[in-house]
C-alpha cells in the first residue's frame, strides 16, 4: 500500500484530482457571477442594453457578435484565478512529493 501511495504522490495525481474537483465545483458559481453581475455591468459600459452577450458591431450589412466571446473569455479568466488562488490558499500545491 505504501508503494501505491508513493506512486500517486510522485506522479502528481493528487494535484490533478484537486484541480479537476475544484474546477468543476467552482465553475458553476463563477459562471453565475460572470453571467449575472459582471456581464450586465460590462454590457452597460459597452452600450449593449440587454447585456454583454448581445453586444455587437455593425459593419455594412454584417453584424459582428463579439459579446458572447468576451463573456466566455471573462468566465475562463475568473475560473482560472479562483482555482489558482484557491489551491495556493489551501496549500494543496505542496501535497505532491517530488521523486528523489
Protein backbone atom coordinates (compact mmCIF):
# COMPACT_ATOMS: atom_id res chain seq x y z
CA UNK A 1 0.00 0.00 0.00
CA UNK A 2 2.88 2.39 0.74
CA UNK A 3 4.29 1.92 -2.77
CA UNK A 4 0.90 2.75 -4.25
CA UNK A 5 0.66 5.94 -2.17
CA UNK A 6 4.21 6.90 -3.17
CA UNK A 7 3.33 6.34 -6.82
CA UNK A 8 0.29 8.61 -6.53
CA UNK A 9 2.34 11.33 -4.85
CA UNK A 10 5.23 11.12 -7.31
CA UNK A 11 3.02 11.24 -10.39
CA UNK A 12 1.06 14.30 -9.25
CA UNK A 13 -2.27 12.52 -9.19
CA UNK A 14 -3.36 14.41 -6.09
CA UNK A 15 -2.79 17.77 -7.75
CA UNK A 16 -4.62 16.68 -10.85
CA UNK A 17 -7.58 15.41 -8.84
CA UNK A 18 -7.75 18.57 -6.73
CA UNK A 19 -7.66 20.76 -9.83
CA UNK A 20 -10.37 18.73 -11.51
CA UNK A 21 -12.66 18.74 -8.48
CA UNK A 22 -12.17 22.42 -7.70
CA UNK A 23 -12.60 23.39 -11.32
CA UNK A 24 -15.89 21.55 -11.57
CA UNK A 25 -17.21 22.80 -8.25
CA UNK A 26 -16.22 26.41 -8.73
CA UNK A 27 -17.16 26.77 -12.39
CA UNK A 28 -20.92 26.96 -11.78
CA UNK A 29 -20.54 29.63 -9.11
CA UNK A 30 -18.15 31.68 -11.20
CA UNK A 31 -20.31 31.28 -14.31
CA UNK A 32 -23.28 32.64 -12.39
CA UNK A 33 -21.18 35.55 -11.09
CA UNK A 34 -19.99 36.40 -14.58
CA UNK A 35 -23.40 35.96 -16.24
CA UNK A 36 -25.47 37.73 -13.58
CA UNK A 37 -23.18 40.51 -12.35
CA UNK A 38 -20.10 41.14 -14.47
CA UNK A 39 -21.65 40.79 -17.95
CA UNK A 40 -24.60 43.14 -17.34
CA UNK A 41 -22.24 45.79 -15.97
CA UNK A 42 -19.90 45.44 -18.95
CA UNK A 43 -22.91 45.46 -21.25
CA UNK A 44 -24.00 48.81 -19.82
CA UNK A 45 -20.49 50.18 -20.19
CA UNK A 46 -20.29 49.00 -23.81
CA UNK A 47 -23.79 50.18 -24.66
CA UNK A 48 -25.45 46.78 -25.08
CA UNK A 49 -28.84 47.26 -23.43
CA UNK A 50 -29.54 43.53 -22.93
CA UNK A 51 -26.12 42.63 -21.55
CA UNK A 52 -22.72 41.71 -22.87
CA UNK A 53 -23.82 38.58 -24.75
CA UNK A 54 -25.82 40.70 -27.19
CA UNK A 55 -23.04 43.23 -27.80
CA UNK A 56 -22.24 43.60 -31.46
CA UNK A 57 -20.85 45.96 -34.05
CA UNK A 58 -22.35 46.56 -37.47
CA UNK A 59 -20.08 46.81 -40.49
CA UNK A 60 -22.18 47.45 -43.54
CA UNK A 61 -24.86 44.77 -43.63
CA UNK A 62 -22.82 42.37 -41.46
CA UNK A 63 -23.29 42.15 -37.71
CA UNK A 64 -20.21 41.08 -35.72
CA UNK A 65 -21.28 39.49 -32.41
CA UNK A 66 -18.34 39.88 -30.06
CA UNK A 67 -20.20 39.92 -26.74
CA UNK A 68 -20.54 36.15 -26.29
CA UNK A 69 -16.82 35.63 -26.97
CA UNK A 70 -15.90 38.27 -24.40
CA UNK A 71 -18.27 36.65 -21.93
CA UNK A 72 -16.63 33.23 -22.33
CA UNK A 73 -13.13 34.72 -22.03
CA UNK A 74 -14.06 36.57 -18.83
CA UNK A 75 -15.64 33.40 -17.45
CA UNK A 76 -12.46 31.42 -18.15
CA UNK A 77 -10.18 34.03 -16.59
CA UNK A 78 -12.23 34.29 -13.40
CA UNK A 79 -12.39 30.49 -13.02
CA UNK A 80 -8.64 30.18 -13.60
CA UNK A 81 -7.87 32.84 -10.99
CA UNK A 82 -10.23 31.36 -8.41
CA UNK A 83 -8.78 27.85 -8.83
CA UNK A 84 -5.18 29.09 -8.80
CA UNK A 85 -5.54 31.20 -5.67
CA UNK A 86 -7.78 28.61 -4.01
CA UNK A 87 -5.14 25.91 -4.40
CA UNK A 88 -2.42 28.28 -3.15
CA UNK A 89 -4.52 29.41 -0.18
CA UNK A 90 -5.44 25.90 0.93
CA UNK A 91 -1.90 24.67 0.41
CA UNK A 92 -2.69 21.81 -1.97
CA UNK A 93 0.23 22.86 -4.15
CA UNK A 94 2.58 21.28 -1.57
CA UNK A 95 0.88 17.87 -1.39
CA UNK A 96 2.71 16.20 -4.24
CA UNK A 97 6.02 14.65 -3.28
CA UNK A 98 8.97 15.12 -5.64
CA UNK A 99 10.71 11.98 -6.84
CA UNK A 100 14.17 11.58 -5.32
